[in-house]
Amino acid sequence: MVREVRKVTRGHPEGIRAAICRCDCGDGEVTVAIAQLLSGKTRSCGCLKRELAAVMIRDERIVQWRRSPENRQRLIDANPWSSPEGREVMLQVVRSAEHRERAASQMTIHGLEKHPLYSTWSGMMHRCYNDRRENFKWYGGRGIQVCPEWHDVAAFIAWISEHLGPKADGMTLDRYPDPDGNYEPGNVRWATRKQQARNRSAS
């Protein structure tokens, strides 16, 4: 933190406590609400999400897919998610051990492994993709997945923080309203164990 200021927002015309901060990346200064700093919601100037995306997009499998004559002709090489073939390549990359290792090295720079929501993200990914976990059979074993965007922990934390808010004591991430659906925007909430049990029994 460089210095404290008052930040005027639409909901707080009188201003809220904020700080002008310098990100570890050294790319200038940003004004952040002090509440966001204390809660861990803001961890960087925005460079973390860009870095994780860059790590993924530079993967050789994606580069080769983009450079293929077919994709240049179809004018979709700018967005690998825009075709079934490209989507499959992207999914192979985000699920690979190499990508997880590279992404982890970027997260460590910004301390995301210490974020309150990191363990929620990690548990969700293990339930869906680690067949060595005992509870895998109830999640990944029956086809439940995590939407591709949330394979990026920074994107997951940003969405949950904005739409669900902080995780309260005794609450866990529940797939709702569709308990048989994937972990994705619009199908998650914070719930108690009792609420989760009722949700599963109603399906």
N, C-alpha and C. Protein backbone atom coordinates (compact mmCIF):
# COMPACT_ATOMS: atom_id res chain seq x y z
N MET A 1 0.84 -1.20 0.00
CA MET A 1 0.00 0.00 0.00
C MET A 1 0.87 1.24 0.00
N VAL A 2 0.55 2.20 -0.87
CA VAL A 2 1.31 3.43 -0.96
C VAL A 2 0.73 4.49 -0.03
N ARG A 3 -0.57 4.74 -0.16
CA ARG A 3 -1.22 5.70 0.74
C ARG A 3 -2.73 5.49 0.70
N GLU A 4 -3.39 5.93 1.76
CA GLU A 4 -4.85 5.78 1.86
C GLU A 4 -5.55 7.00 1.27
N VAL A 5 -6.68 6.73 0.57
CA VAL A 5 -7.47 7.80 -0.05
C VAL A 5 -8.95 7.48 0.13
N ARG A 6 -9.82 8.34 -0.38
CA ARG A 6 -11.25 8.08 -0.43
C ARG A 6 -11.62 7.81 -1.87
N LYS A 7 -12.34 6.71 -2.10
CA LYS A 7 -12.73 6.32 -3.46
C LYS A 7 -14.23 6.49 -3.62
N VAL A 8 -14.66 7.32 -4.56
CA VAL A 8 -16.08 7.55 -4.81
C VAL A 8 -16.60 6.49 -5.76
N THR A 9 -17.71 5.83 -5.37
CA THR A 9 -18.35 4.84 -6.23
C THR A 9 -19.81 5.21 -6.41
N ARG A 10 -20.49 4.47 -7.30
CA ARG A 10 -21.90 4.77 -7.55
C ARG A 10 -22.73 4.58 -6.30
N GLY A 11 -22.44 3.55 -5.53
CA GLY A 11 -23.21 3.29 -4.33
C GLY A 11 -22.75 4.08 -3.12
N HIS A 12 -21.56 4.69 -3.20
CA HIS A 12 -21.02 5.46 -2.08
C HIS A 12 -20.46 6.78 -2.59
N PRO A 13 -21.36 7.74 -2.92
CA PRO A 13 -20.90 9.03 -3.43
C PRO A 13 -20.06 9.80 -2.42
N GLU A 14 -20.21 9.45 -1.13
CA GLU A 14 -19.41 10.13 -0.11
C GLU A 14 -17.99 9.58 -0.05
N GLY A 15 -17.78 8.45 -0.72
CA GLY A 15 -16.45 7.86 -0.78
C GLY A 15 -16.26 6.76 0.25
N ILE A 16 -15.44 5.78 -0.08
CA ILE A 16 -15.11 4.69 0.84
C ILE A 16 -13.60 4.66 1.04
N ARG A 17 -13.17 4.01 2.12
CA ARG A 17 -11.74 3.91 2.39
C ARG A 17 -11.06 3.06 1.32
N ALA A 18 -10.03 3.59 0.75
CA ALA A 18 -9.31 2.87 -0.30
C ALA A 18 -7.83 3.17 -0.17
N ALA A 19 -7.06 2.46 -0.95
CA ALA A 19 -5.62 2.66 -0.92
C ALA A 19 -5.08 2.65 -2.34
N ILE A 20 -4.12 3.50 -2.57
CA ILE A 20 -3.39 3.47 -3.83
C ILE A 20 -2.26 2.46 -3.65
N CYS A 21 -2.30 1.40 -4.43
CA CYS A 21 -1.35 0.30 -4.25
C CYS A 21 -0.48 0.11 -5.47
N ARG A 22 0.70 -0.38 -5.23
CA ARG A 22 1.61 -0.72 -6.31
C ARG A 22 1.72 -2.24 -6.38
N CYS A 23 1.35 -2.80 -7.52
CA CYS A 23 1.36 -4.25 -7.70
C CYS A 23 2.79 -4.76 -7.77
N ASP A 24 2.98 -6.01 -7.36
CA ASP A 24 4.31 -6.63 -7.41
C ASP A 24 4.87 -6.71 -8.83
N CYS A 25 3.97 -6.66 -9.82
CA CYS A 25 4.45 -6.74 -11.20
C CYS A 25 5.16 -5.47 -11.63
N GLY A 26 4.96 -4.37 -10.86
CA GLY A 26 5.61 -3.11 -11.16
C GLY A 26 4.95 -2.32 -12.26
N ASP A 27 3.75 -2.73 -12.67
CA ASP A 27 3.07 -2.08 -13.80
C ASP A 27 2.14 -0.98 -13.30
N GLY A 28 2.68 0.02 -12.63
CA GLY A 28 1.88 1.17 -12.23
C GLY A 28 1.15 0.96 -10.92
N GLU A 29 0.22 1.89 -10.62
CA GLU A 29 -0.52 1.89 -9.37
C GLU A 29 -2.02 1.77 -9.64
N VAL A 30 -2.75 1.17 -8.69
CA VAL A 30 -4.19 1.04 -8.81
C VAL A 30 -4.82 1.43 -7.48
N THR A 31 -6.05 1.95 -7.54
CA THR A 31 -6.79 2.32 -6.33
C THR A 31 -7.75 1.20 -5.99
N VAL A 32 -7.63 0.65 -4.78
CA VAL A 32 -8.41 -0.52 -4.37
C VAL A 32 -9.07 -0.24 -3.03
N ALA A 33 -10.35 -0.64 -2.90
CA ALA A 33 -11.04 -0.51 -1.62
C ALA A 33 -10.31 -1.35 -0.57
N ILE A 34 -10.12 -0.76 0.61
CA ILE A 34 -9.39 -1.46 1.67
C ILE A 34 -10.10 -2.76 2.06
N ALA A 35 -11.44 -2.76 2.01
CA ALA A 35 -12.19 -3.98 2.33
C ALA A 35 -11.81 -5.11 1.39
N GLN A 36 -11.57 -4.80 0.11
CA GLN A 36 -11.19 -5.83 -0.85
C GLN A 36 -9.79 -6.36 -0.57
N LEU A 37 -8.92 -5.48 -0.10
CA LEU A 37 -7.57 -5.92 0.24
C LEU A 37 -7.58 -6.85 1.44
N LEU A 38 -8.35 -6.48 2.46
CA LEU A 38 -8.39 -7.28 3.68
C LEU A 38 -9.06 -8.64 3.46
N SER A 39 -10.07 -8.66 2.57
CA SER A 39 -10.78 -9.92 2.31
C SER A 39 -10.01 -10.84 1.38
N GLY A 40 -9.02 -10.30 0.70
CA GLY A 40 -8.26 -11.10 -0.25
C GLY A 40 -8.87 -11.11 -1.64
N LYS A 41 -9.95 -10.35 -1.84
CA LYS A 41 -10.61 -10.34 -3.15
C LYS A 41 -9.71 -9.74 -4.22
N THR A 42 -8.94 -8.73 -3.86
CA THR A 42 -8.01 -8.13 -4.80
C THR A 42 -6.59 -8.53 -4.44
N ARG A 43 -5.92 -9.20 -5.37
CA ARG A 43 -4.57 -9.69 -5.13
C ARG A 43 -3.56 -9.12 -6.12
N SER A 44 -4.06 -8.53 -7.18
CA SER A 44 -3.15 -7.97 -8.18
C SER A 44 -3.85 -6.85 -8.91
N CYS A 45 -3.14 -6.22 -9.83
CA CYS A 45 -3.72 -5.13 -10.61
C CYS A 45 -4.54 -5.65 -11.77
N GLY A 46 -4.64 -6.96 -11.89
CA GLY A 46 -5.31 -7.59 -13.03
C GLY A 46 -4.33 -8.40 -13.86
N CYS A 47 -3.05 -8.26 -13.52
CA CYS A 47 -2.02 -8.96 -14.31
C CYS A 47 -2.06 -10.47 -14.09
N LEU A 48 -2.53 -10.93 -12.92
CA LEU A 48 -2.53 -12.36 -12.65
C LEU A 48 -3.38 -13.12 -13.65
N LYS A 49 -4.59 -12.63 -13.90
CA LYS A 49 -5.47 -13.33 -14.84
C LYS A 49 -4.86 -13.32 -16.24
N ARG A 50 -4.24 -12.20 -16.61
CA ARG A 50 -3.61 -12.13 -17.92
C ARG A 50 -2.44 -13.09 -18.02
N GLU A 51 -1.66 -13.22 -16.93
CA GLU A 51 -0.51 -14.12 -16.94
C GLU A 51 -0.94 -15.57 -17.06
N LEU A 52 -2.00 -15.95 -16.32
CA LEU A 52 -2.47 -17.32 -16.40
C LEU A 52 -3.00 -17.64 -17.79
N ALA A 53 -3.71 -16.67 -18.39
CA ALA A 53 -4.22 -16.87 -19.75
C ALA A 53 -3.05 -17.01 -20.73
N ALA A 54 -2.00 -16.20 -20.52
CA ALA A 54 -0.84 -16.27 -21.41
C ALA A 54 -0.12 -17.60 -21.28
N VAL A 55 -0.01 -18.10 -20.05
CA VAL A 55 0.62 -19.40 -19.83
C VAL A 55 -0.10 -20.48 -20.62
N MET A 56 -1.42 -20.41 -20.61
CA MET A 56 -2.22 -21.43 -21.30
C MET A 56 -2.13 -21.28 -22.81
N ILE A 57 -2.25 -20.05 -23.29
CA ILE A 57 -2.36 -19.83 -24.72
C ILE A 57 -1.03 -20.07 -25.44
N ARG A 58 0.10 -20.07 -24.70
CA ARG A 58 1.39 -20.32 -25.33
C ARG A 58 1.71 -21.81 -25.42
N ASP A 59 0.84 -22.65 -24.89
CA ASP A 59 1.08 -24.08 -24.96
C ASP A 59 1.23 -24.51 -26.42
N GLU A 60 2.22 -25.36 -26.69
CA GLU A 60 2.54 -25.75 -28.06
C GLU A 60 1.36 -26.39 -28.78
N ARG A 61 0.53 -27.13 -28.05
CA ARG A 61 -0.63 -27.77 -28.68
C ARG A 61 -1.60 -26.73 -29.23
N ILE A 62 -1.79 -25.66 -28.49
CA ILE A 62 -2.70 -24.61 -28.93
C ILE A 62 -2.07 -23.82 -30.07
N VAL A 63 -0.77 -23.55 -29.97
CA VAL A 63 -0.09 -22.82 -31.05
C VAL A 63 -0.19 -23.58 -32.36
N GLN A 64 0.05 -24.89 -32.34
CA GLN A 64 -0.03 -25.69 -33.56
C GLN A 64 -1.45 -25.69 -34.11
N TRP A 65 -2.44 -25.80 -33.23
CA TRP A 65 -3.83 -25.80 -33.69
C TRP A 65 -4.18 -24.48 -34.37
N ARG A 66 -3.72 -23.38 -33.80
CA ARG A 66 -4.02 -22.07 -34.38
C ARG A 66 -3.38 -21.89 -35.75
N ARG A 67 -2.20 -22.47 -35.93
CA ARG A 67 -1.44 -22.23 -37.16
C ARG A 67 -1.86 -23.14 -38.31
N SER A 68 -2.74 -24.09 -38.06
CA SER A 68 -3.13 -25.01 -39.11
C SER A 68 -3.86 -24.27 -40.23
N PRO A 69 -3.64 -24.67 -41.48
CA PRO A 69 -4.29 -24.00 -42.62
C PRO A 69 -5.81 -23.98 -42.51
N GLU A 70 -6.38 -25.06 -41.98
CA GLU A 70 -7.84 -25.12 -41.87
C GLU A 70 -8.38 -24.01 -40.98
N ASN A 71 -7.70 -23.77 -39.87
CA ASN A 71 -8.19 -22.75 -38.95
C ASN A 71 -7.98 -21.35 -39.49
N ARG A 72 -6.89 -21.13 -40.19
CA ARG A 72 -6.70 -19.83 -40.80
C ARG A 72 -7.78 -19.55 -41.83
N GLN A 73 -8.13 -20.59 -42.59
CA GLN A 73 -9.16 -20.44 -43.61
C GLN A 73 -10.52 -20.17 -42.99
N ARG A 74 -10.79 -20.80 -41.84
CA ARG A 74 -12.08 -20.64 -41.18
C ARG A 74 -12.12 -19.39 -40.31
N LEU A 75 -10.98 -18.70 -40.19
CA LEU A 75 -10.91 -17.45 -39.44
C LEU A 75 -11.34 -17.60 -37.99
N ILE A 76 -10.98 -18.73 -37.37
CA ILE A 76 -11.34 -18.92 -35.97
C ILE A 76 -10.10 -19.13 -35.11
N ASP A 77 -8.92 -18.89 -35.72
CA ASP A 77 -7.69 -19.18 -34.98
C ASP A 77 -7.51 -18.26 -33.77
N ALA A 78 -8.21 -17.14 -33.71
CA ALA A 78 -8.06 -16.22 -32.58
C ALA A 78 -8.74 -16.74 -31.33
N ASN A 79 -9.67 -17.68 -31.46
CA ASN A 79 -10.41 -18.17 -30.29
C ASN A 79 -10.55 -19.69 -30.35
N PRO A 80 -9.68 -20.41 -29.66
CA PRO A 80 -9.74 -21.89 -29.72
C PRO A 80 -11.06 -22.46 -29.20
N TRP A 81 -11.79 -21.71 -28.36
CA TRP A 81 -13.05 -22.24 -27.83
C TRP A 81 -14.17 -22.20 -28.88
N SER A 82 -13.90 -21.59 -30.05
CA SER A 82 -14.98 -21.36 -31.00
C SER A 82 -15.31 -22.55 -31.89
N SER A 83 -14.64 -23.67 -31.72
CA SER A 83 -14.97 -24.87 -32.49
C SER A 83 -14.83 -26.09 -31.60
N PRO A 84 -15.53 -27.17 -31.92
CA PRO A 84 -15.39 -28.40 -31.12
C PRO A 84 -13.96 -28.90 -31.07
N GLU A 85 -13.24 -28.81 -32.22
CA GLU A 85 -11.86 -29.29 -32.24
C GLU A 85 -10.97 -28.45 -31.34
N GLY A 86 -11.13 -27.13 -31.43
CA GLY A 86 -10.33 -26.24 -30.59
C GLY A 86 -10.66 -26.39 -29.13
N ARG A 87 -11.93 -26.59 -28.84
CA ARG A 87 -12.35 -26.77 -27.45
C ARG A 87 -11.70 -28.02 -26.85
N GLU A 88 -11.62 -29.09 -27.65
CA GLU A 88 -11.00 -30.32 -27.16
C GLU A 88 -9.52 -30.10 -26.87
N VAL A 89 -8.84 -29.34 -27.73
CA VAL A 89 -7.43 -29.04 -27.50
C VAL A 89 -7.27 -28.25 -26.21
N MET A 90 -8.12 -27.24 -26.00
CA MET A 90 -8.04 -26.41 -24.80
C MET A 90 -8.29 -27.25 -23.55
N LEU A 91 -9.27 -28.14 -23.61
CA LEU A 91 -9.56 -28.98 -22.45
C LEU A 91 -8.39 -29.91 -22.13
N GLN A 92 -7.74 -30.44 -23.18
CA GLN A 92 -6.57 -31.29 -22.95
C GLN A 92 -5.47 -30.51 -22.23
N VAL A 93 -5.32 -29.25 -22.61
CA VAL A 93 -4.27 -28.43 -22.01
C VAL A 93 -4.60 -28.11 -20.55
N VAL A 94 -5.82 -27.63 -20.27
CA VAL A 94 -6.14 -27.21 -18.90
C VAL A 94 -6.17 -28.40 -17.94
N ARG A 95 -6.36 -29.61 -18.46
CA ARG A 95 -6.38 -30.78 -17.60
C ARG A 95 -5.01 -31.43 -17.45
N SER A 96 -4.03 -30.94 -18.21
CA SER A 96 -2.72 -31.58 -18.19
C SER A 96 -1.93 -31.20 -16.95
N ALA A 97 -1.07 -32.11 -16.53
CA ALA A 97 -0.22 -31.86 -15.37
C ALA A 97 0.74 -30.71 -15.65
N GLU A 98 1.19 -30.57 -16.90
CA GLU A 98 2.11 -29.49 -17.25
C GLU A 98 1.47 -28.13 -17.04
N HIS A 99 0.20 -28.00 -17.48
CA HIS A 99 -0.48 -26.71 -17.32
C HIS A 99 -0.71 -26.40 -15.85
N ARG A 100 -1.11 -27.40 -15.07
CA ARG A 100 -1.34 -27.16 -13.64
C ARG A 100 -0.06 -26.70 -12.96
N GLU A 101 1.08 -27.29 -13.38
CA GLU A 101 2.36 -26.90 -12.79
C GLU A 101 2.72 -25.47 -13.17
N ARG A 102 2.53 -25.12 -14.45
CA ARG A 102 2.85 -23.77 -14.89
C ARG A 102 1.94 -22.74 -14.22
N ALA A 103 0.65 -23.06 -14.15
CA ALA A 103 -0.29 -22.15 -13.51
C ALA A 103 0.02 -21.98 -12.03
N ALA A 104 0.42 -23.08 -11.39
CA ALA A 104 0.75 -23.00 -9.97
C ALA A 104 1.92 -22.06 -9.72
N SER A 105 2.89 -22.07 -10.64
CA SER A 105 4.04 -21.19 -10.47
C SER A 105 3.63 -19.73 -10.58
N GLN A 106 2.64 -19.44 -11.44
CA GLN A 106 2.15 -18.07 -11.56
C GLN A 106 1.35 -17.67 -10.32
N MET A 107 0.53 -18.60 -9.80
CA MET A 107 -0.28 -18.29 -8.62
C MET A 107 0.58 -18.01 -7.41
N THR A 108 1.70 -18.72 -7.31
CA THR A 108 2.57 -18.54 -6.16
C THR A 108 3.12 -17.12 -6.11
N ILE A 109 3.39 -16.55 -7.29
CA ILE A 109 3.91 -15.19 -7.35
C ILE A 109 2.95 -14.23 -6.67
N HIS A 110 1.68 -14.44 -6.83
CA HIS A 110 0.67 -13.51 -6.31
C HIS A 110 0.03 -14.01 -5.01
N GLY A 111 0.45 -15.16 -4.52
CA GLY A 111 -0.08 -15.64 -3.25
C GLY A 111 -1.49 -16.18 -3.30
N LEU A 112 -1.98 -16.60 -4.47
CA LEU A 112 -3.35 -17.09 -4.55
C LEU A 112 -3.53 -18.40 -3.80
N GLU A 113 -2.46 -19.14 -3.60
CA GLU A 113 -2.60 -20.38 -2.85
C GLU A 113 -2.98 -20.11 -1.40
N LYS A 114 -2.86 -18.87 -0.95
CA LYS A 114 -3.26 -18.49 0.41
C LYS A 114 -4.63 -17.82 0.44
N HIS A 115 -5.26 -17.66 -0.72
CA HIS A 115 -6.58 -17.02 -0.78
C HIS A 115 -7.61 -17.91 -0.10
N PRO A 116 -8.59 -17.33 0.63
CA PRO A 116 -9.62 -18.13 1.32
C PRO A 116 -10.39 -19.08 0.40
N LEU A 117 -10.49 -18.74 -0.89
CA LEU A 117 -11.26 -19.57 -1.81
C LEU A 117 -10.39 -20.60 -2.55
N TYR A 118 -9.09 -20.56 -2.32
CA TYR A 118 -8.22 -21.49 -3.04
C TYR A 118 -8.53 -22.94 -2.68
N SER A 119 -8.75 -23.23 -1.40
CA SER A 119 -9.04 -24.61 -0.99
C SER A 119 -10.37 -25.08 -1.57
N THR A 120 -11.34 -24.15 -1.72
CA THR A 120 -12.62 -24.51 -2.34
C THR A 120 -12.39 -24.91 -3.79
N TRP A 121 -11.60 -24.12 -4.50
CA TRP A 121 -11.29 -24.42 -5.90
C TRP A 121 -10.54 -25.74 -6.02
N SER A 122 -9.53 -25.93 -5.18
CA SER A 122 -8.72 -27.15 -5.23
C SER A 122 -9.56 -28.38 -4.95
N GLY A 123 -10.43 -28.31 -3.94
CA GLY A 123 -11.30 -29.45 -3.62
C GLY A 123 -12.25 -29.77 -4.75
N MET A 124 -12.80 -28.73 -5.38
CA MET A 124 -13.71 -28.91 -6.51
C MET A 124 -13.00 -29.61 -7.66
N MET A 125 -11.78 -29.19 -7.98
CA MET A 125 -11.04 -29.79 -9.08
C MET A 125 -10.67 -31.24 -8.78
N HIS A 126 -10.27 -31.52 -7.55
CA HIS A 126 -9.92 -32.90 -7.19
C HIS A 126 -11.14 -33.81 -7.27
N ARG A 127 -12.29 -33.35 -6.79
CA ARG A 127 -13.50 -34.19 -6.83
C ARG A 127 -13.87 -34.57 -8.26
N CYS A 128 -13.60 -33.67 -9.19
CA CYS A 128 -14.04 -33.90 -10.57
C CYS A 128 -12.99 -34.58 -11.45
N TYR A 129 -11.69 -34.45 -11.09
CA TYR A 129 -10.67 -34.94 -12.02
C TYR A 129 -9.61 -35.86 -11.41
N ASN A 130 -9.63 -36.03 -10.10
CA ASN A 130 -8.63 -36.89 -9.48
C ASN A 130 -9.28 -38.21 -9.07
N ASP A 131 -9.10 -39.23 -9.90
CA ASP A 131 -9.79 -40.50 -9.65
C ASP A 131 -9.18 -41.27 -8.47
N ARG A 132 -8.13 -40.73 -7.88
CA ARG A 132 -7.56 -41.35 -6.69
C ARG A 132 -8.25 -40.88 -5.41
N ARG A 133 -9.06 -39.85 -5.52
CA ARG A 133 -9.81 -39.37 -4.37
C ARG A 133 -11.04 -40.24 -4.13
N GLU A 134 -11.35 -40.49 -2.86
CA GLU A 134 -12.45 -41.38 -2.52
C GLU A 134 -13.79 -40.85 -3.03
N ASN A 135 -13.98 -39.53 -2.99
CA ASN A 135 -15.27 -38.98 -3.40
C ASN A 135 -15.36 -38.72 -4.90
N PHE A 136 -14.34 -39.11 -5.67
CA PHE A 136 -14.37 -38.91 -7.12
C PHE A 136 -15.58 -39.62 -7.74
N LYS A 137 -15.93 -40.79 -7.20
CA LYS A 137 -17.03 -41.57 -7.79
C LYS A 137 -18.35 -40.83 -7.77
N TRP A 138 -18.51 -39.89 -6.82
CA TRP A 138 -19.76 -39.14 -6.73
C TRP A 138 -19.75 -37.88 -7.58
N TYR A 139 -18.61 -37.56 -8.16
CA TYR A 139 -18.49 -36.32 -8.94
C TYR A 139 -17.97 -36.64 -10.34
N GLY A 140 -16.66 -36.60 -10.52
CA GLY A 140 -16.10 -36.90 -11.84
C GLY A 140 -16.49 -38.28 -12.33
N GLY A 141 -16.62 -39.22 -11.40
CA GLY A 141 -16.98 -40.58 -11.77
C GLY A 141 -18.35 -40.72 -12.38
N ARG A 142 -19.22 -39.76 -12.12
CA ARG A 142 -20.55 -39.80 -12.76
C ARG A 142 -20.76 -38.64 -13.73
N GLY A 143 -19.63 -38.09 -14.21
CA GLY A 143 -19.70 -37.12 -15.31
C GLY A 143 -19.76 -35.66 -14.93
N ILE A 144 -19.69 -35.34 -13.64
CA ILE A 144 -19.74 -33.94 -13.23
C ILE A 144 -18.38 -33.30 -13.48
N GLN A 145 -18.39 -32.14 -14.12
CA GLN A 145 -17.15 -31.45 -14.48
C GLN A 145 -17.17 -30.01 -13.96
N VAL A 146 -16.04 -29.36 -14.12
CA VAL A 146 -15.90 -27.93 -13.83
C VAL A 146 -15.85 -27.21 -15.17
N CYS A 147 -16.62 -26.14 -15.33
CA CYS A 147 -16.61 -25.43 -16.61
C CYS A 147 -15.19 -24.99 -16.93
N PRO A 148 -14.81 -24.99 -18.21
CA PRO A 148 -13.42 -24.69 -18.60
C PRO A 148 -12.88 -23.38 -18.03
N GLU A 149 -13.73 -22.35 -17.95
CA GLU A 149 -13.27 -21.05 -17.46
C GLU A 149 -12.76 -21.15 -16.03
N TRP A 150 -13.36 -22.03 -15.22
CA TRP A 150 -13.00 -22.12 -13.81
C TRP A 150 -11.81 -23.04 -13.56
N HIS A 151 -11.23 -23.61 -14.63
CA HIS A 151 -9.97 -24.31 -14.46
C HIS A 151 -8.88 -23.29 -14.12
N ASP A 152 -9.14 -22.05 -14.46
CA ASP A 152 -8.28 -20.93 -14.07
C ASP A 152 -8.73 -20.47 -12.69
N VAL A 153 -7.91 -20.71 -11.66
CA VAL A 153 -8.31 -20.40 -10.29
C VAL A 153 -8.60 -18.92 -10.11
N ALA A 154 -7.87 -18.05 -10.83
CA ALA A 154 -8.12 -16.62 -10.71
C ALA A 154 -9.51 -16.25 -11.21
N ALA A 155 -9.93 -16.87 -12.33
CA ALA A 155 -11.27 -16.61 -12.86
C ALA A 155 -12.34 -17.13 -11.90
N PHE A 156 -12.10 -18.31 -11.31
CA PHE A 156 -13.04 -18.88 -10.34
C PHE A 156 -13.20 -17.95 -9.14
N ILE A 157 -12.08 -17.51 -8.56
CA ILE A 157 -12.13 -16.65 -7.39
C ILE A 157 -12.83 -15.33 -7.71
N ALA A 158 -12.54 -14.78 -8.89
CA ALA A 158 -13.17 -13.50 -9.27
C ALA A 158 -14.68 -13.65 -9.38
N TRP A 159 -15.15 -14.74 -10.02
CA TRP A 159 -16.60 -14.91 -10.20
C TRP A 159 -17.29 -15.16 -8.86
N ILE A 160 -16.75 -16.06 -8.06
CA ILE A 160 -17.36 -16.38 -6.77
C ILE A 160 -17.40 -15.15 -5.87
N SER A 161 -16.32 -14.39 -5.83
CA SER A 161 -16.25 -13.21 -4.99
C SER A 161 -17.31 -12.20 -5.39
N GLU A 162 -17.51 -12.03 -6.70
CA GLU A 162 -18.46 -11.03 -7.19
C GLU A 162 -19.91 -11.47 -7.02
N HIS A 163 -20.19 -12.76 -7.26
CA HIS A 163 -21.58 -13.21 -7.30
C HIS A 163 -22.07 -13.90 -6.03
N LEU A 164 -21.17 -14.56 -5.29
CA LEU A 164 -21.58 -15.26 -4.08
C LEU A 164 -21.06 -14.61 -2.81
N GLY A 165 -19.98 -13.88 -2.93
CA GLY A 165 -19.38 -13.26 -1.75
C GLY A 165 -18.50 -14.22 -0.99
N PRO A 166 -17.95 -13.76 0.13
CA PRO A 166 -17.02 -14.60 0.91
C PRO A 166 -17.69 -15.88 1.42
N LYS A 167 -16.89 -16.89 1.64
CA LYS A 167 -17.38 -18.15 2.19
C LYS A 167 -17.50 -18.03 3.71
N ALA A 168 -18.71 -18.21 4.24
CA ALA A 168 -18.93 -18.13 5.68
C ALA A 168 -18.57 -19.46 6.34
N ASP A 169 -18.31 -19.43 7.63
CA ASP A 169 -17.99 -20.64 8.37
C ASP A 169 -19.13 -21.66 8.26
N GLY A 170 -18.79 -22.91 8.01
CA GLY A 170 -19.79 -23.96 7.93
C GLY A 170 -20.46 -24.10 6.57
N MET A 171 -20.07 -23.26 5.62
CA MET A 171 -20.69 -23.30 4.29
C MET A 171 -19.73 -23.97 3.29
N THR A 172 -20.31 -24.63 2.32
CA THR A 172 -19.53 -25.25 1.26
C THR A 172 -20.17 -24.92 -0.08
N LEU A 173 -19.44 -25.18 -1.16
CA LEU A 173 -19.94 -24.88 -2.49
C LEU A 173 -20.88 -25.98 -2.95
N ASP A 174 -22.11 -25.61 -3.25
CA ASP A 174 -23.15 -26.58 -3.62
C ASP A 174 -23.59 -26.33 -5.05
N ARG A 175 -23.82 -27.41 -5.81
CA ARG A 175 -24.36 -27.27 -7.17
C ARG A 175 -25.87 -27.13 -7.07
N TYR A 176 -26.35 -25.95 -7.38
CA TYR A 176 -27.77 -25.64 -7.22
C TYR A 176 -28.16 -24.59 -8.27
N PRO A 177 -29.28 -24.74 -8.97
CA PRO A 177 -30.42 -25.61 -8.67
C PRO A 177 -30.32 -27.05 -9.21
N ASP A 178 -29.29 -27.35 -10.01
CA ASP A 178 -29.19 -28.69 -10.59
C ASP A 178 -28.07 -29.47 -9.91
N PRO A 179 -28.39 -30.34 -8.96
CA PRO A 179 -27.34 -31.09 -8.25
C PRO A 179 -26.64 -32.11 -9.14
N ASP A 180 -27.19 -32.41 -10.29
CA ASP A 180 -26.55 -33.32 -11.23
C ASP A 180 -25.78 -32.57 -12.32
N GLY A 181 -25.79 -31.23 -12.23
CA GLY A 181 -25.11 -30.43 -13.23
C GLY A 181 -23.65 -30.18 -12.88
N ASN A 182 -22.99 -29.43 -13.71
CA ASN A 182 -21.57 -29.13 -13.53
C ASN A 182 -21.37 -27.95 -12.58
N TYR A 183 -20.14 -27.76 -12.17
CA TYR A 183 -19.75 -26.54 -11.46
C TYR A 183 -19.58 -25.46 -12.52
N GLU A 184 -20.47 -24.51 -12.54
CA GLU A 184 -20.44 -23.48 -13.56
C GLU A 184 -21.28 -22.28 -13.11
N PRO A 185 -21.07 -21.11 -13.71
CA PRO A 185 -21.87 -19.94 -13.33
C PRO A 185 -23.37 -20.23 -13.44
N GLY A 186 -24.12 -19.83 -12.42
CA GLY A 186 -25.56 -20.05 -12.42
C GLY A 186 -25.99 -21.35 -11.78
N ASN A 187 -25.02 -22.22 -11.43
CA ASN A 187 -25.39 -23.49 -10.82
C ASN A 187 -24.58 -23.75 -9.54
N VAL A 188 -24.23 -22.70 -8.83
CA VAL A 188 -23.50 -22.85 -7.57
C VAL A 188 -24.05 -21.87 -6.54
N ARG A 189 -23.91 -22.23 -5.28
CA ARG A 189 -24.29 -21.37 -4.17
C ARG A 189 -23.50 -21.81 -2.94
N TRP A 190 -23.46 -20.96 -1.91
CA TRP A 190 -22.95 -21.37 -0.62
C TRP A 190 -24.09 -22.03 0.14
N ALA A 191 -23.84 -23.20 0.73
CA ALA A 191 -24.90 -23.94 1.42
C ALA A 191 -24.31 -24.68 2.62
N THR A 192 -25.17 -24.95 3.59
CA THR A 192 -24.77 -25.77 4.73
C THR A 192 -24.81 -27.24 4.31
N ARG A 193 -24.23 -28.11 5.12
CA ARG A 193 -24.27 -29.54 4.82
C ARG A 193 -25.71 -30.04 4.75
N LYS A 194 -26.57 -29.51 5.62
CA LYS A 194 -27.97 -29.93 5.64
C LYS A 194 -28.67 -29.51 4.34
N GLN A 195 -28.40 -28.29 3.88
CA GLN A 195 -28.99 -27.82 2.63
C GLN A 195 -28.51 -28.67 1.46
N GLN A 196 -27.25 -29.03 1.46
CA GLN A 196 -26.73 -29.87 0.38
C GLN A 196 -27.39 -31.24 0.39
N ALA A 197 -27.60 -31.81 1.57
CA ALA A 197 -28.24 -33.12 1.67
C ALA A 197 -29.66 -33.05 1.13
N ARG A 198 -30.39 -31.99 1.47
CA ARG A 198 -31.77 -31.84 0.96
C ARG A 198 -31.76 -31.67 -0.55
N ASN A 199 -30.76 -30.94 -1.06
CA ASN A 199 -30.66 -30.71 -2.49
C ASN A 199 -30.43 -32.02 -3.24
N ARG A 200 -29.55 -32.86 -2.70
CA ARG A 200 -29.27 -34.15 -3.35
C ARG A 200 -30.46 -35.10 -3.27
N SER A 201 -31.14 -35.11 -2.12
CA SER A 201 -32.27 -36.04 -1.96
C SER A 201 -33.45 -35.65 -2.83
N ALA A 202 -33.53 -34.36 -3.21
CA ALA A 202 -34.64 -33.89 -4.04
C ALA A 202 -34.41 -34.17 -5.50
N SER A 203 -33.19 -34.55 -5.87
CA SER A 203 -32.88 -34.77 -7.29
C SER A 203 -33.30 -36.18 -7.73
